[in-house]
N, C-alpha and C. Protein backbone atom coordinates (compact mmCIF):
# COMPACT_ATOMS: atom_id res chain seq x y z
N UNK A 1 0.49 -1.33 -0.29
CA UNK A 1 -0.05 0.12 -0.10
C UNK A 1 1.07 1.25 -0.06
N UNK A 2 1.88 1.50 0.68
CA UNK A 2 2.79 2.34 0.53
C UNK A 2 3.10 2.55 -0.85
N UNK A 3 3.72 1.55 -1.42
CA UNK A 3 4.45 2.08 -2.22
C UNK A 3 3.53 2.28 -3.58
N UNK A 4 2.29 1.95 -3.48
CA UNK A 4 1.03 2.83 -4.12
C UNK A 4 0.90 3.88 -4.21
N UNK A 5 1.11 4.72 -2.70
CA UNK A 5 0.48 5.66 -2.43
C UNK A 5 1.93 6.56 -2.94
N UNK A 6 3.03 6.07 -3.17
CA UNK A 6 4.23 6.75 -3.08
C UNK A 6 4.15 6.87 -4.73
N UNK A 7 3.53 5.93 -5.61
CA UNK A 7 3.44 5.88 -7.16
C UNK A 7 2.96 7.06 -7.57
N UNK A 8 1.86 7.40 -6.74
CA UNK A 8 0.29 8.48 -7.18
C UNK A 8 0.94 9.82 -6.53
N UNK A 9 2.18 9.78 -5.87
CA UNK A 9 2.30 11.06 -5.17
C UNK A 9 3.35 11.75 -6.03
N UNK A 10 4.40 10.27 -6.64
CA UNK A 10 5.54 11.35 -7.73
C UNK A 10 5.07 11.10 -8.62
N UNK A 11 3.89 10.75 -9.27
CA UNK A 11 2.53 10.94 -10.41
C UNK A 11 2.84 12.60 -10.65
N UNK A 12 2.55 12.90 -9.03
CA UNK A 12 1.89 14.76 -8.82
C UNK A 12 3.23 15.43 -9.32
N UNK A 13 4.07 15.14 -9.07
CA UNK A 13 5.33 15.94 -9.24
C UNK A 13 6.87 15.30 -10.36
N UNK A 14 5.46 15.87 -11.34
CA UNK A 14 6.67 15.51 -12.81
C UNK A 14 8.00 16.40 -13.04
N UNK A 15 7.86 17.62 -12.29
CA UNK A 15 9.25 17.97 -12.19
C UNK A 15 10.12 17.09 -11.46
N UNK A 16 10.26 16.41 -10.61
CA UNK A 16 11.06 15.45 -9.75
C UNK A 16 11.32 14.20 -10.78
N UNK A 17 10.75 13.87 -11.98
CA UNK A 17 10.67 12.82 -12.30
C UNK A 17 11.25 12.73 -13.81
N UNK A 18 12.20 13.72 -13.72
CA UNK A 18 13.37 13.23 -14.91
C UNK A 18 14.46 12.30 -14.37
N UNK A 19 15.49 12.25 -13.64
CA UNK A 19 16.17 11.70 -13.38
C UNK A 19 17.02 12.09 -12.05
N UNK A 20 17.95 10.75 -11.71
CA UNK A 20 18.44 10.93 -10.03
C UNK A 20 19.80 11.16 -10.37
N UNK A 21 20.57 12.04 -9.78
CA UNK A 21 22.29 11.30 -10.03
C UNK A 21 22.55 10.21 -9.30
N UNK A 22 23.97 9.56 -9.89
CA UNK A 22 24.20 8.51 -9.08
C UNK A 22 24.73 8.80 -7.96
N UNK A 23 24.65 7.89 -6.64
CA UNK A 23 25.61 8.64 -5.92
C UNK A 23 26.44 7.54 -5.75
N UNK A 24 27.82 7.56 -4.94
CA UNK A 24 29.16 6.74 -5.36
C UNK A 24 28.88 5.46 -4.68
N UNK A 25 5.72 -4.17 -37.25
CA UNK A 25 4.79 -4.02 -38.25
C UNK A 25 5.45 -3.34 -38.82
N UNK A 26 5.07 -2.71 -39.94
CA UNK A 26 5.26 -1.88 -41.50
C UNK A 26 5.55 -0.33 -40.49
N UNK A 27 4.12 -0.26 -40.07
CA UNK A 27 3.48 1.16 -39.69
C UNK A 27 4.39 1.41 -38.11
N UNK A 28 3.95 0.58 -37.42
CA UNK A 28 5.27 0.58 -36.19
C UNK A 28 6.45 0.64 -36.46
N UNK A 29 7.31 -0.69 -37.22
CA UNK A 29 8.53 0.03 -37.75
C UNK A 29 8.51 1.24 -38.13
N UNK A 30 8.22 1.99 -39.15
CA UNK A 30 8.04 3.25 -39.19
C UNK A 30 7.97 4.24 -38.40
N UNK A 31 7.52 3.98 -37.35
CA UNK A 31 6.80 5.08 -36.58
C UNK A 31 8.19 4.77 -35.01
N UNK A 32 8.83 3.65 -34.95
CA UNK A 32 9.57 2.96 -34.12
C UNK A 32 10.70 4.21 -34.80
N UNK A 33 11.10 3.86 -36.24
CA UNK A 33 12.19 4.53 -36.91
C UNK A 33 11.78 6.19 -36.52
N UNK A 34 10.55 6.61 -36.48
CA UNK A 34 10.75 8.13 -36.40
C UNK A 34 11.23 8.38 -34.94
N UNK A 35 10.65 7.67 -34.05
CA UNK A 35 11.42 7.82 -32.62
C UNK A 35 12.55 7.63 -32.09
N UNK A 36 12.97 7.01 -33.04
CA UNK A 36 14.67 6.86 -33.12
C UNK A 36 14.95 7.69 -33.70
N UNK A 37 14.68 8.59 -34.57
CA UNK A 37 15.68 9.68 -35.24
C UNK A 37 15.65 10.89 -34.44
N UNK A 38 14.14 10.72 -33.55
CA UNK A 38 14.24 12.62 -32.79
C UNK A 38 15.53 11.91 -32.15
N UNK A 39 15.77 11.39 -31.53
CA UNK A 39 16.95 10.95 -30.55
C UNK A 39 17.99 11.54 -31.45
N UNK A 40 18.52 11.78 -32.48
CA UNK A 40 19.98 12.20 -32.75
C UNK A 40 19.43 14.13 -32.94
N UNK A 41 17.96 14.59 -32.41
CA UNK A 41 17.89 15.81 -32.40
C UNK A 41 18.45 16.28 -30.93
N UNK A 42 18.12 14.94 -30.20
CA UNK A 42 18.40 15.36 -28.88
C UNK A 42 16.77 16.03 -27.80
N UNK A 43 15.87 15.26 -29.10
CA UNK A 43 14.66 15.06 -28.23
C UNK A 43 14.02 14.62 -26.88
N UNK A 44 13.47 14.85 -25.82
CA UNK A 44 13.45 14.26 -24.85
C UNK A 44 11.64 13.92 -25.01
N UNK A 45 11.83 12.23 -24.43
CA UNK A 45 10.78 11.56 -24.35
C UNK A 45 9.54 12.02 -23.19
N UNK A 46 8.60 12.66 -23.47
CA UNK A 46 8.01 12.71 -22.42
C UNK A 46 6.28 12.31 -22.46
N UNK A 47 5.85 11.94 -21.11
CA UNK A 47 4.90 10.82 -21.04
C UNK A 47 3.66 11.27 -20.24
N UNK A 48 2.46 11.23 -20.97
CA UNK A 48 1.41 12.01 -20.27
C UNK A 48 1.64 11.99 -19.08
N UNK A 49 2.09 11.20 -17.91
CA UNK A 49 1.91 10.93 -16.31
C UNK A 49 3.32 11.75 -16.04
N UNK A 50 4.27 11.94 -16.91
CA UNK A 50 4.63 13.47 -16.28
C UNK A 50 6.31 13.07 -16.56
N UNK A 51 6.86 11.80 -16.81
CA UNK A 51 8.38 10.42 -16.93
C UNK A 51 8.83 11.58 -18.18
N UNK A 52 10.03 11.90 -17.49
CA UNK A 52 10.95 12.37 -18.55
C UNK A 52 12.03 11.59 -19.14
N UNK A 53 12.76 11.14 -20.02
CA UNK A 53 13.89 10.81 -20.48
C UNK A 53 14.43 11.01 -21.71
N UNK A 54 15.39 10.79 -21.80
CA UNK A 54 16.18 10.99 -23.54
C UNK A 54 16.93 10.05 -23.97
N UNK A 55 16.01 9.29 -25.20
CA UNK A 55 16.57 8.59 -25.96
C UNK A 55 17.54 9.19 -26.36
N UNK A 56 18.93 7.96 -26.19
CA UNK A 56 19.83 8.21 -26.99
C UNK A 56 20.44 7.16 -28.01
N UNK A 57 20.91 6.71 -29.11
CA UNK A 57 21.22 5.64 -29.91
C UNK A 57 22.81 5.87 -30.28
N UNK A 58 23.64 6.71 -29.69
CA UNK A 58 24.98 6.98 -29.99
C UNK A 58 25.82 6.01 -29.81
N UNK A 59 25.27 4.46 -29.10
CA UNK A 59 25.95 3.38 -28.70
C UNK A 59 25.33 2.10 -29.27
N UNK A 60 24.49 2.41 -30.26
CA UNK A 60 24.15 1.55 -30.81
C UNK A 60 25.06 0.65 -31.57
N UNK A 61 24.90 -0.21 -31.00
CA UNK A 61 25.53 -1.43 -31.73
C UNK A 61 26.75 -2.12 -30.75
N UNK A 62 27.03 -1.60 -29.86
CA UNK A 62 28.08 -1.23 -28.65
C UNK A 62 27.71 -2.83 -27.78
N UNK A 63 28.83 -3.87 -27.36
CA UNK A 63 28.80 -4.58 -26.94
C UNK A 63 28.05 -4.42 -25.49
N UNK A 64 27.54 -5.72 -24.90
CA UNK A 64 27.34 -5.53 -23.67
C UNK A 64 28.21 -5.07 -22.82
N UNK A 65 28.12 -4.52 -21.48
CA UNK A 65 28.24 -3.85 -20.67
C UNK A 65 28.76 -5.40 -20.04
N UNK A 66 29.99 -5.46 -19.76
CA UNK A 66 31.10 -6.73 -18.93
C UNK A 66 31.10 -6.55 -17.38
N UNK A 67 30.29 -5.95 -16.55
CA UNK A 67 30.40 -6.00 -15.75
C UNK A 67 30.05 -6.96 -14.67
N UNK A 68 30.34 -7.81 -13.01
CA UNK A 68 29.59 -8.95 -12.27
C UNK A 68 28.35 -7.75 -11.73
N UNK A 69 27.53 -8.94 -11.56
CA UNK A 69 26.28 -7.84 -10.43
C UNK A 69 25.58 -9.16 -9.66
N UNK A 70 24.83 -9.09 -9.12
CA UNK A 70 24.04 -10.35 -8.64
C UNK A 70 22.90 -10.97 -9.11
N UNK A 71 22.58 -11.63 -9.03
CA UNK A 71 21.35 -12.09 -8.57
C UNK A 71 20.53 -12.07 -7.95
N UNK A 72 19.14 -12.87 -7.87
CA UNK A 72 18.21 -12.80 -6.58
C UNK A 72 18.86 -14.18 -5.22
N UNK A 73 19.17 -14.77 -6.09
CA UNK A 73 20.09 -15.79 -4.62
C UNK A 73 21.20 -15.24 -4.35
N UNK A 74 22.07 -14.09 -4.68
CA UNK A 74 23.31 -14.39 -4.39
C UNK A 74 24.58 -14.43 -5.59
N UNK A 75 24.07 -14.86 -6.56
CA UNK A 75 24.71 -15.48 -7.55
C UNK A 75 25.73 -14.70 -8.70
N UNK A 76 26.73 -14.67 -8.63
CA UNK A 76 27.21 -13.50 -9.36
C UNK A 76 26.97 -13.57 -10.90
N UNK A 77 26.54 -13.11 -11.76
CA UNK A 77 26.19 -13.12 -12.81
C UNK A 77 26.38 -11.52 -13.85
N UNK A 78 26.50 -11.86 -14.95
CA UNK A 78 26.76 -10.52 -15.84
C UNK A 78 25.52 -10.66 -17.06
N UNK A 79 25.84 -9.42 -17.79
CA UNK A 79 24.53 -9.52 -18.88
C UNK A 79 24.70 -10.37 -19.93
N UNK A 80 26.21 -10.94 -20.35
CA UNK A 80 26.16 -12.28 -21.32
C UNK A 80 25.56 -13.50 -21.23
N UNK A 81 25.32 -13.38 -19.87
CA UNK A 81 25.02 -14.65 -19.76
C UNK A 81 22.80 -14.76 -19.50
N UNK A 82 22.79 -13.07 -20.31
CA UNK A 82 21.19 -13.82 -20.61
C UNK A 82 20.23 -12.79 -22.25
N UNK A 83 22.11 -13.09 -22.77
CA UNK A 83 22.31 -13.80 -24.58
C UNK A 83 21.04 -14.37 -25.02
N UNK A 84 20.79 -14.46 -26.11
CA UNK A 84 19.54 -15.34 -26.84
C UNK A 84 17.86 -14.97 -26.86
N UNK A 85 17.83 -13.47 -26.17
CA UNK A 85 16.68 -12.73 -26.95
C UNK A 85 17.43 -11.53 -25.85
N UNK A 86 15.79 -10.15 -26.65
CA UNK A 86 16.22 -9.39 -26.43
C UNK A 86 16.45 -8.96 -24.73
N UNK A 87 16.98 -8.26 -24.34
CA UNK A 87 17.18 -7.98 -22.85
C UNK A 87 16.77 -6.47 -22.58
N UNK A 88 16.26 -6.19 -21.70
CA UNK A 88 15.78 -4.45 -20.80
C UNK A 88 16.62 -4.63 -19.67
N UNK A 89 17.53 -3.33 -19.90
CA UNK A 89 18.39 -3.61 -18.17
C UNK A 89 18.19 -2.07 -17.86
N UNK A 90 17.50 -1.82 -16.88
CA UNK A 90 17.28 -0.84 -16.05
C UNK A 90 17.77 -0.83 -14.90
N UNK A 91 19.17 0.16 -14.41
CA UNK A 91 19.71 0.94 -13.51
C UNK A 91 18.64 1.72 -12.64
N UNK A 92 18.73 1.27 -10.78
CA UNK A 92 17.67 1.82 -10.57
C UNK A 92 18.05 1.69 -9.17
N UNK A 93 17.53 2.46 -8.11
CA UNK A 93 17.64 2.56 -6.90
C UNK A 93 16.92 2.76 -5.57
N UNK A 94 16.69 2.16 -4.35
CA UNK A 94 15.32 2.22 -4.36
C UNK A 94 14.92 4.21 -3.46
N UNK A 95 16.46 4.74 -3.46
CA UNK A 95 15.96 6.45 -2.69
C UNK A 95 15.68 7.17 -3.93
N UNK A 96 15.64 6.83 -5.27
CA UNK A 96 15.58 7.15 -6.28
C UNK A 96 13.93 7.30 -7.15
N UNK A 97 13.25 8.38 -6.49
CA UNK A 97 11.96 8.71 -6.84
C UNK A 97 11.73 8.07 -8.22
N UNK A 98 11.62 8.76 -9.45
CA UNK A 98 11.82 8.31 -10.26
C UNK A 98 11.52 6.64 -10.79
N UNK A 99 12.69 6.09 -10.47
CA UNK A 99 12.81 5.01 -10.52
C UNK A 99 11.69 4.06 -10.11
N UNK A 100 11.18 4.43 -8.97
CA UNK A 100 10.23 3.79 -8.12
C UNK A 100 9.41 4.02 -8.80
N UNK A 101 8.59 5.26 -9.33
CA UNK A 101 7.46 4.68 -10.03
C UNK A 101 7.41 3.99 -11.27
N UNK A 102 8.69 3.83 -11.75
CA UNK A 102 8.79 3.27 -12.81
C UNK A 102 8.57 1.70 -12.50
N UNK A 103 9.17 1.14 -11.69
CA UNK A 103 9.46 -0.28 -11.21
C UNK A 103 7.85 -1.00 -11.30
N UNK A 104 6.62 -0.54 -11.59
CA UNK A 104 5.55 -1.34 -11.72
C UNK A 104 5.29 -1.16 -13.08
N UNK A 105 4.99 -0.43 -13.91
CA UNK A 105 5.43 -0.79 -15.38
C UNK A 105 6.22 -1.47 -15.74
N UNK A 106 7.69 -1.42 -15.59
CA UNK A 106 8.82 -1.98 -15.82
C UNK A 106 8.44 -3.61 -15.76
N UNK A 107 7.31 -3.94 -14.03
CA UNK A 107 6.72 -5.26 -14.15
C UNK A 107 5.98 -5.75 -15.25
N UNK A 108 4.99 -4.62 -15.20
CA UNK A 108 4.14 -4.99 -16.34
C UNK A 108 4.31 -5.32 -17.34
N UNK A 109 5.50 -4.92 -17.95
CA UNK A 109 6.34 -5.42 -19.38
C UNK A 109 6.46 -6.47 -19.50
N UNK A 110 7.15 -6.74 -18.55
CA UNK A 110 7.96 -8.13 -18.24
C UNK A 110 7.33 -9.07 -18.24
N UNK A 111 5.99 -9.18 -17.53
CA UNK A 111 4.77 -10.36 -17.49
C UNK A 111 4.24 -9.75 -19.06
N UNK A 112 4.27 -8.98 -19.82
CA UNK A 112 3.44 -8.58 -21.07
C UNK A 112 4.30 -9.76 -22.29
N UNK A 113 5.46 -9.08 -21.91
CA UNK A 113 6.33 -9.26 -23.11
C UNK A 113 7.22 -10.95 -22.56
N UNK A 114 6.83 -11.23 -21.67
CA UNK A 114 8.14 -12.34 -21.11
C UNK A 114 8.58 -13.44 -22.34
N UNK A 115 7.75 -13.77 -23.23
CA UNK A 115 8.30 -14.52 -24.20
C UNK A 115 8.90 -14.58 -25.26
N UNK A 116 8.93 -12.68 -25.17
CA UNK A 116 9.94 -12.37 -26.12
C UNK A 116 11.02 -11.08 -25.54
N UNK A 117 11.10 -11.05 -24.45
CA UNK A 117 12.31 -10.28 -23.61
C UNK A 117 12.15 -10.48 -22.27
N UNK A 118 13.43 -10.12 -22.00
CA UNK A 118 13.93 -10.58 -20.38
C UNK A 118 13.97 -8.68 -20.12
N UNK A 119 13.06 -8.72 -19.43
CA UNK A 119 13.44 -7.63 -18.05
C UNK A 119 14.23 -7.30 -17.01
N UNK A 120 15.15 -6.92 -17.05
CA UNK A 120 16.56 -6.80 -15.46
C UNK A 120 16.40 -5.63 -14.92
N UNK A 121 15.82 -5.97 -13.80
CA UNK A 121 16.19 -4.68 -13.25
C UNK A 121 16.97 -4.61 -11.99
N UNK A 122 18.32 -3.86 -11.88
CA UNK A 122 19.53 -3.80 -11.12
C UNK A 122 19.68 -2.89 -10.46
N UNK A 123 19.04 -2.86 -8.75
CA UNK A 123 19.64 -1.92 -7.74
C UNK A 123 20.92 -1.56 -7.62
N UNK A 124 21.61 -0.68 -7.60
CA UNK A 124 22.51 0.12 -7.54
C UNK A 124 22.24 1.05 -5.94
N UNK A 125 21.67 0.35 -4.82
CA UNK A 125 22.04 0.48 -3.52
C UNK A 125 23.11 0.06 -3.17
N UNK A 126 24.46 0.74 -2.44
CA UNK A 126 25.41 0.16 -2.05
C UNK A 126 25.34 -0.91 -0.79
N UNK A 127 23.72 -0.99 -0.44
CA UNK A 127 23.21 -1.90 0.97
C UNK A 127 23.16 -3.08 0.30
N UNK A 128 23.04 -3.03 -1.00
CA UNK A 128 22.19 -4.71 -1.96
C UNK A 128 21.31 -5.07 -1.05
N UNK A 129 21.17 -6.37 -1.09
CA UNK A 129 19.71 -7.14 -0.73
C UNK A 129 19.36 -6.18 0.29
N UNK A 130 20.06 -6.28 1.47
CA UNK A 130 19.50 -5.80 2.43
C UNK A 130 18.59 -4.72 2.46
N UNK A 131 18.61 -3.83 1.27
CA UNK A 131 17.86 -2.71 1.29
C UNK A 131 16.42 -3.08 -0.06
N UNK A 132 17.05 -3.92 -1.20
CA UNK A 132 16.38 -4.09 -1.65
C UNK A 132 15.22 -5.12 -1.50
N UNK A 133 15.43 -5.90 -1.05
CA UNK A 133 14.56 -7.36 -0.19
C UNK A 133 13.44 -7.25 0.10
N UNK A 134 13.59 -6.19 0.72
CA UNK A 134 12.82 -5.56 1.96
C UNK A 134 11.43 -4.45 0.39
N UNK A 135 12.18 -3.86 0.08
CA UNK A 135 11.25 -3.31 -0.84
C UNK A 135 11.06 -4.42 -1.81
N UNK A 136 11.46 -4.91 -2.71
CA UNK A 136 10.16 -6.37 -3.27
C UNK A 136 8.95 -6.55 -2.62
N UNK A 137 9.69 -7.18 -1.09
CA UNK A 137 8.56 -7.44 -0.99
C UNK A 137 7.33 -6.65 -0.35
N UNK A 138 7.44 -5.63 -0.36
CA UNK A 138 6.47 -4.82 -0.04
C UNK A 138 5.56 -4.86 -1.21
N UNK A 139 6.11 -4.70 -2.39
CA UNK A 139 6.06 -4.20 -4.20
C UNK A 139 5.34 -5.32 -4.45
N UNK A 140 5.43 -6.89 -4.19
CA UNK A 140 4.65 -7.96 -4.24
C UNK A 140 4.76 -7.88 -6.34
N UNK A 141 5.95 -8.12 -7.05
CA UNK A 141 5.91 -7.91 -8.36
C UNK A 141 5.41 -9.52 -8.66
N UNK A 142 4.85 -9.77 -9.94
CA UNK A 142 4.92 -10.10 -10.55
C UNK A 142 5.48 -10.96 -11.09
N UNK A 143 6.84 -10.27 -12.36
CA UNK A 143 7.85 -10.85 -12.91
C UNK A 143 9.43 -10.07 -12.82
N UNK A 144 9.27 -8.91 -12.05
CA UNK A 144 10.53 -8.62 -11.72
C UNK A 144 11.26 -9.60 -10.99
N UNK A 145 12.21 -9.38 -10.67
CA UNK A 145 13.25 -10.08 -9.64
C UNK A 145 14.52 -9.46 -9.40
N UNK A 146 14.94 -9.50 -8.11
CA UNK A 146 15.97 -8.47 -7.23
C UNK A 146 17.48 -8.79 -7.61
N UNK A 147 18.11 -8.15 -8.50
CA UNK A 147 19.08 -8.21 -8.89
C UNK A 147 19.80 -7.12 -8.33
N UNK A 148 21.08 -7.11 -7.89
CA UNK A 148 21.66 -5.89 -7.06
C UNK A 148 23.05 -5.97 -7.40
N UNK A 149 23.53 -4.95 -7.63
CA UNK A 149 24.94 -4.40 -8.07
C UNK A 149 25.54 -3.24 -7.22
N UNK A 150 26.11 -3.79 -5.88
CA UNK A 150 26.67 -2.93 -5.17
C UNK A 150 27.73 -2.21 -5.04
N UNK A 151 28.71 -2.16 -6.06
CA UNK A 151 29.80 -2.13 -6.57
C UNK A 151 29.75 -0.60 -7.21
N UNK A 152 28.53 -0.53 -7.89
CA UNK A 152 27.70 0.07 -8.74
C UNK A 152 28.59 -0.01 -10.55
N UNK A 153 29.02 -1.30 -10.80
CA UNK A 153 29.67 -1.38 -12.12
C UNK A 153 28.97 -1.15 -13.21
N UNK A 154 27.26 -1.48 -13.20
CA UNK A 154 26.61 -1.19 -14.45
C UNK A 154 26.54 0.69 -14.72
N UNK A 155 26.10 0.97 -13.86
CA UNK A 155 26.42 2.62 -13.79
C UNK A 155 27.07 3.54 -14.01
N UNK A 156 28.49 3.04 -13.61
CA UNK A 156 30.01 3.23 -14.50
C UNK A 156 30.05 2.71 -15.73
N UNK A 157 29.53 1.31 -15.89
CA UNK A 157 29.74 0.80 -17.39
C UNK A 157 28.93 1.58 -18.12
N UNK A 158 27.85 1.78 -17.95
CA UNK A 158 26.84 2.98 -19.03
C UNK A 158 27.19 4.10 -19.07
N UNK A 159 27.81 4.54 -18.03
CA UNK A 159 28.72 5.74 -18.51
C UNK A 159 27.44 7.09 -18.06
N UNK A 160 26.44 6.86 -17.63
CA UNK A 160 25.57 8.23 -18.36
C UNK A 160 24.89 8.61 -16.93
N UNK A 161 25.52 8.31 -15.43
CA UNK A 161 25.52 9.39 -14.47
C UNK A 161 24.30 9.42 -14.05
N UNK A 162 22.89 8.84 -14.47
CA UNK A 162 21.99 9.13 -13.45
C UNK A 162 20.96 7.79 -13.67
N UNK A 163 19.89 7.90 -12.78
CA UNK A 163 19.20 6.79 -12.49
C UNK A 163 17.74 7.41 -12.89
N UNK A 164 16.81 6.53 -13.38
CA UNK A 164 17.03 5.55 -14.06
C UNK A 164 17.18 5.94 -15.56
N UNK A 165 18.52 4.70 -15.88
CA UNK A 165 19.08 4.35 -17.59
C UNK A 165 18.40 3.57 -17.80
N UNK A 166 18.13 2.72 -18.57
CA UNK A 166 17.38 1.90 -19.22
C UNK A 166 18.18 1.38 -20.62
N UNK A 167 18.64 0.28 -21.07
CA UNK A 167 19.57 -0.27 -22.35
C UNK A 167 18.74 -1.23 -22.68
N UNK A 168 18.50 -1.56 -23.88
CA UNK A 168 17.58 -2.37 -24.45
C UNK A 168 19.00 -3.27 -25.37
N UNK A 169 19.28 -4.44 -25.37
CA UNK A 169 20.20 -4.79 -26.38
C UNK A 169 18.93 -6.02 -27.23
N UNK A 170 19.62 -6.00 -27.88
CA UNK A 170 18.69 -7.67 -29.00
C UNK A 170 19.60 -8.43 -28.58
N UNK A 171 19.09 -9.64 -29.55
CA UNK A 171 19.22 -11.01 -28.92
C UNK A 171 20.57 -11.26 -29.12
N UNK A 172 21.31 -10.66 -29.59
CA UNK A 172 22.74 -10.84 -29.78
C UNK A 172 23.51 -9.92 -28.96
N UNK A 173 22.94 -9.83 -28.39
CA UNK A 173 23.79 -8.47 -27.16
C UNK A 173 24.80 -7.12 -27.37
N UNK A 174 23.77 -6.84 -28.57
CA UNK A 174 24.17 -5.61 -28.99
C UNK A 174 23.52 -4.82 -28.82
N UNK A 175 23.63 -3.30 -28.16
CA UNK A 175 23.00 -2.04 -27.34
C UNK A 175 22.03 -1.69 -29.18
N UNK A 176 20.57 -1.08 -28.82
CA UNK A 176 19.56 -0.74 -29.67
C UNK A 176 19.72 0.38 -29.78
N UNK A 177 18.98 1.22 -28.19
CA UNK A 177 19.08 2.53 -27.32
C UNK A 177 18.94 2.42 -26.02
N UNK A 178 18.93 3.12 -25.60
CA UNK A 178 19.16 4.03 -24.35
C UNK A 178 18.24 4.66 -24.19
N UNK A 179 17.15 5.16 -22.86
CA UNK A 179 16.83 5.92 -22.30
C UNK A 179 17.18 6.75 -20.65
N UNK A 180 17.94 7.79 -20.76
CA UNK A 180 18.84 8.03 -19.70
C UNK A 180 17.01 9.26 -18.56
N UNK A 181 16.86 8.41 -17.73
CA UNK A 181 15.70 9.42 -17.07
C UNK A 181 14.61 8.29 -17.23
N UNK A 182 13.48 8.83 -16.39
CA UNK A 182 12.26 7.68 -16.86
C UNK A 182 11.73 7.79 -17.91
N UNK A 183 10.95 6.98 -17.99
CA UNK A 183 9.84 6.18 -19.20
C UNK A 183 8.15 5.79 -19.10
N UNK A 184 7.51 5.88 -19.46
CA UNK A 184 6.20 5.52 -19.53
C UNK A 184 6.34 3.84 -20.33
N UNK A 185 6.78 3.07 -19.53
CA UNK A 185 7.00 1.55 -20.34
C UNK A 185 5.68 0.90 -20.80
N UNK A 186 4.61 1.23 -20.24
CA UNK A 186 2.98 1.21 -20.63
C UNK A 186 2.45 1.79 -21.46
N UNK A 187 3.73 3.32 -22.39
CA UNK A 187 3.04 3.57 -23.39
C UNK A 187 2.86 3.02 -25.00
N UNK A 188 2.35 3.50 -25.65
CA UNK A 188 2.51 3.71 -27.20
C UNK A 188 4.15 4.01 -27.13
N UNK A 189 4.74 4.85 -26.76
CA UNK A 189 6.47 5.50 -27.33
C UNK A 189 6.95 4.31 -27.14
N UNK A 190 7.20 3.71 -25.94
CA UNK A 190 7.88 2.27 -25.56
C UNK A 190 7.84 1.47 -26.51
N UNK A 191 6.60 1.16 -26.92
CA UNK A 191 6.04 -0.24 -27.27
C UNK A 191 6.66 -0.20 -29.13
N UNK A 192 6.37 0.82 -29.29
CA UNK A 192 6.98 1.26 -30.66
C UNK A 192 8.68 1.40 -30.65
N UNK A 193 9.01 1.90 -29.72
CA UNK A 193 10.61 1.97 -29.79
C UNK A 193 11.12 0.65 -29.75
N UNK A 194 10.46 -0.51 -28.73
CA UNK A 194 10.83 -1.49 -28.60
C UNK A 194 10.40 -2.55 -29.96
N UNK A 195 9.36 -2.60 -30.09
CA UNK A 195 9.11 -3.76 -31.35
C UNK A 195 9.54 -4.38 -32.16
N UNK A 196 10.63 -3.28 -33.19
CA UNK A 196 11.04 -4.28 -34.03
C UNK A 196 12.17 -5.16 -33.58
N UNK A 197 12.82 -4.53 -32.31
CA UNK A 197 14.10 -5.64 -32.15
C UNK A 197 13.05 -6.77 -31.32
N UNK A 198 12.03 -6.96 -30.84
CA UNK A 198 11.12 -8.20 -30.40
C UNK A 198 11.01 -9.14 -31.85
N UNK A 199 10.59 -7.94 -32.61
CA UNK A 199 9.69 -9.08 -33.31
C UNK A 199 10.73 -9.81 -34.01
N UNK A 200 11.78 -9.49 -34.51
CA UNK A 200 12.95 -10.23 -34.73
C UNK A 200 14.21 -11.05 -33.51
N UNK A 201 13.45 -10.65 -32.50
CA UNK A 201 14.01 -12.24 -31.84
C UNK A 201 15.12 -11.90 -31.33
């Protein structure tokens, strides 16, 4: 219940919902290309709910960031372990307001597209599971799992300096695009941006 209340509170404060600094089909395809082209002009993506992020394609084709982090059981993994289908990687923290707002939408996306897409949310909280596990217990997500990165390796590897940052990789592990800042992952814009990659598998 607290998480739901926070969600609606944050939606009423759109000025806060940009980003947090890091602490130490034919028609569909056409629309997707138009949305991606906008990034070349530095255009921000603003949703009806007040979330604002910036689409960045400057690293398109780059290999996955090769840095270790922990899975929900504490086992060391890396992004390359998930190659085989498209992967959407979101770095976040429990103290980051726009990150918290995105989480239910990312959970819905993960459930809706689980056959075509792996959604990884990797916490950058330096307390790791000690901080993240209680958050997940309260949120009761259906699909998201509590991955942690106490060393902030993904933050440094992505190099955006902001959270949330979300990177889409194709099935071969090459970067397609990234969103720096918050995004409405239930919205039509997000669906169009992802469709070409997801349809290719």
